[in-house]
Every structure is written in structure tokens, then in C-alpha cells.
Amino acid sequence: MVVQEQLQTLAFYDAQTKQPVSQTKVPAGLPDQGALRRRRPCRLTADGRTLVASREFGHRLLRLDVATRHVTGYLNLPHSARQDVRDP
């Protein structure tokens, strides 16, 4: 997955061929490249069906269905809440 901030899009690529597979438009709450470099913004749920992503200082989490690659919801957080998604 590649975050395309300028296009407000998540781009998905085949792991072996590196060819584009699909893109998902994310109008708000997109994880940013800075957070991606620190490897903190995205985590899969235990069953691998859902991706949860955060945007640094964005005060919301994004929920994405991995199979369909569609955004299935957002969780708004209080401005004082830490929103990085990390392993426990």
C-alpha cells in the first residue's frame, strides 16, 4: 500500500510484480507519509480482514476492509487523544 497524499488516495500494488492493483479514494483521514516512514500508522486486525490507519495529529482513525479495499468507517478522537496505531 502506498499513500498518495496529493491525490488523497491509497494505492495497492502486487507484492511480487510491483504492478498497481487498485486505488481507494480517501477524502479525509488519510495516513501521512511521515507516519508511514515511522511504521506506526497502519495495523491489521487479528483476523487480517481490517486495516486500521491513523494520521499524525489527525484526531481520527480510518477503518478499511482489506478484501474490498473500501473505507468502512472513521473513528473521531478527542483532540487530546494519542492516535498513533501501535503494537502493544
C-alpha atoms as a PDB file:
ATOM      1  CA  MET A   1       0.000   0.000   0.000  1.00  0.00           C
ATOM      2  CA  VAL A   2       1.235   3.459  -0.893  1.00  0.00           C
ATOM      3  CA  VAL A   3      -0.254   6.666   0.480  1.00  0.00           C
ATOM      4  CA  GLN A   4      -0.717   9.280  -2.235  1.00  0.00           C
ATOM      5  CA  GLU A   5      -1.373  12.375  -0.127  1.00  0.00           C
ATOM      6  CA  GLN A   6      -1.687  14.782  -3.054  1.00  0.00           C
ATOM      7  CA  LEU A   7      -4.316  12.568  -4.712  1.00  0.00           C
ATOM      8  CA  GLN A   8      -5.989  11.627  -1.394  1.00  0.00           C
ATOM      9  CA  THR A   9      -5.670   8.009  -2.462  1.00  0.00           C
ATOM     10  CA  LEU A  10      -4.394   4.710  -1.092  1.00  0.00           C
ATOM     11  CA  ALA A  11      -2.733   2.756  -3.916  1.00  0.00           C
ATOM     12  CA  PHE A  12      -2.370  -1.014  -3.710  1.00  0.00           C
ATOM     13  CA  TYR A  13       0.379  -2.931  -5.537  1.00  0.00           C
ATOM     14  CA  ASP A  14       1.060  -6.607  -6.166  1.00  0.00           C
ATOM     15  CA  ALA A  15       3.871  -7.677  -3.802  1.00  0.00           C
ATOM     16  CA  GLN A  16       5.653  -9.827  -6.416  1.00  0.00           C
ATOM     17  CA  THR A  17       5.238  -7.838  -9.632  1.00  0.00           C
ATOM     18  CA  LYS A  18       5.091  -4.343  -8.085  1.00  0.00           C
ATOM     19  CA  GLN A  19       2.305  -3.573 -10.548  1.00  0.00           C
ATOM     20  CA  PRO A  20      -0.657  -1.413  -9.458  1.00  0.00           C
ATOM     21  CA  VAL A  21      -3.714  -3.436  -8.430  1.00  0.00           C
ATOM     22  CA  SER A  22      -6.205  -0.788  -7.336  1.00  0.00           C
ATOM     23  CA  GLN A  23      -6.693   2.607  -5.734  1.00  0.00           C
ATOM     24  CA  THR A  24      -9.051   3.724  -2.991  1.00  0.00           C
ATOM     25  CA  LYS A  25     -10.108   7.364  -2.678  1.00  0.00           C
ATOM     26  CA  VAL A  26      -9.862   8.579   0.917  1.00  0.00           C
ATOM     27  CA  PRO A  27     -11.279  12.103   1.154  1.00  0.00           C
ATOM     28  CA  ALA A  28     -10.406  12.590   4.830  1.00  0.00           C
ATOM     29  CA  GLY A  29      -8.294  10.920   7.471  1.00  0.00           C
ATOM     30  CA  LEU A  30      -5.591   9.704   5.128  1.00  0.00           C
ATOM     31  CA  PRO A  31      -2.449   8.423   6.863  1.00  0.00           C
ATOM     32  CA  ASP A  32       0.506  10.681   6.052  1.00  0.00           C
ATOM     33  CA  GLN A  33       3.874   9.687   4.574  1.00  0.00           C
ATOM     34  CA  GLY A  34       5.776  10.907   7.661  1.00  0.00           C
ATOM     35  CA  ALA A  35       3.879   8.488   9.868  1.00  0.00           C
ATOM     36  CA  LEU A  36       4.380   5.716   7.313  1.00  0.00           C
ATOM     37  CA  ARG A  37       8.151   6.159   7.452  1.00  0.00           C
ATOM     38  CA  ARG A  38       7.949   5.634  11.212  1.00  0.00           C
ATOM     39  CA  ARG A  39       5.845   2.465  10.569  1.00  0.00           C
ATOM     40  CA  ARG A  40       3.160   3.471  13.049  1.00  0.00           C
ATOM     41  CA  PRO A  41       0.061   4.494  11.157  1.00  0.00           C
ATOM     42  CA  CYS A  42      -1.417   1.172   9.957  1.00  0.00           C
ATOM     43  CA  ARG A  43      -2.161  -2.158  11.567  1.00  0.00           C
ATOM     44  CA  LEU A  44      -4.181  -5.186  10.546  1.00  0.00           C
ATOM     45  CA  THR A  45      -6.730  -6.670  12.903  1.00  0.00           C
ATOM     46  CA  ALA A  46      -6.014 -10.135  14.308  1.00  0.00           C
ATOM     47  CA  ASP A  47      -8.144 -11.808  11.616  1.00  0.00           C
ATOM     48  CA  GLY A  48      -6.405  -9.811   8.827  1.00  0.00           C
ATOM     49  CA  ARG A  49      -9.686  -8.564   7.393  1.00  0.00           C
ATOM     50  CA  THR A  50      -9.495  -4.941   8.501  1.00  0.00           C
ATOM     51  CA  LEU A  51      -6.786  -2.299   8.323  1.00  0.00           C
ATOM     52  CA  VAL A  52      -6.821   0.494  10.903  1.00  0.00           C
ATOM     53  CA  ALA A  53      -4.862   3.627   9.984  1.00  0.00           C
ATOM     54  CA  SER A  54      -4.123   6.911  11.716  1.00  0.00           C
ATOM     55  CA  ARG A  55      -2.978  10.317  10.571  1.00  0.00           C
ATOM     56  CA  GLU A  56      -0.468  12.096  12.762  1.00  0.00           C
ATOM     57  CA  PHE A  57      -2.333  14.909  14.537  1.00  0.00           C
ATOM     58  CA  GLY A  58      -5.454  13.999  12.520  1.00  0.00           C
ATOM     59  CA  HIS A  59      -7.595  13.019  15.536  1.00  0.00           C
ATOM     60  CA  ARG A  60      -9.313  10.173  13.717  1.00  0.00           C
ATOM     61  CA  LEU A  61      -8.769   6.564  12.759  1.00  0.00           C
ATOM     62  CA  LEU A  62      -9.702   5.106   9.399  1.00  0.00           C
ATOM     63  CA  ARG A  63     -11.106   1.567   9.006  1.00  0.00           C
ATOM     64  CA  LEU A  64     -10.577  -0.188   5.666  1.00  0.00           C
ATOM     65  CA  ASP A  65     -11.896  -3.574   4.508  1.00  0.00           C
ATOM     66  CA  VAL A  66      -8.829  -5.392   3.150  1.00  0.00           C
ATOM     67  CA  ALA A  67     -10.730  -7.680   0.749  1.00  0.00           C
ATOM     68  CA  THR A  68     -12.733  -4.916  -0.943  1.00  0.00           C
ATOM     69  CA  ARG A  69     -10.196  -2.115  -0.290  1.00  0.00           C
ATOM     70  CA  HIS A  70     -13.029   0.232   0.663  1.00  0.00           C
ATOM     71  CA  VAL A  71     -13.144   2.585   3.627  1.00  0.00           C
ATOM     72  CA  THR A  72     -15.771   1.224   6.004  1.00  0.00           C
ATOM     73  CA  GLY A  73     -15.673   3.973   8.604  1.00  0.00           C
ATOM     74  CA  TYR A  74     -13.878   6.503  10.758  1.00  0.00           C
ATOM     75  CA  LEU A  75     -13.490   6.903  14.500  1.00  0.00           C
ATOM     76  CA  ASN A  76     -13.164  10.512  15.632  1.00  0.00           C
ATOM     77  CA  LEU A  77     -10.918  11.002  18.657  1.00  0.00           C
ATOM     78  CA  PRO A  78     -10.772  13.826  21.194  1.00  0.00           C
ATOM     79  CA  HIS A  79      -8.057  16.361  20.332  1.00  0.00           C
ATOM     80  CA  SER A  80      -6.105  15.330  23.411  1.00  0.00           C
ATOM     81  CA  ALA A  81      -6.077  11.615  22.474  1.00  0.00           C
ATOM     82  CA  ARG A  82      -2.981   9.984  21.008  1.00  0.00           C
ATOM     83  CA  GLN A  83      -3.893   8.497  17.624  1.00  0.00           C
ATOM     84  CA  ASP A  84      -0.844   6.507  16.509  1.00  0.00           C
ATOM     85  CA  VAL A  85      -1.686   2.858  15.866  1.00  0.00           C
ATOM     86  CA  ARG A  86       0.984   0.699  17.524  1.00  0.00           C
ATOM     87  CA  ASP A  87       1.586  -2.851  18.554  1.00  0.00           C
ATOM     88  CA  PRO A  88       1.032  -3.360  22.303  1.00  0.00           C
END
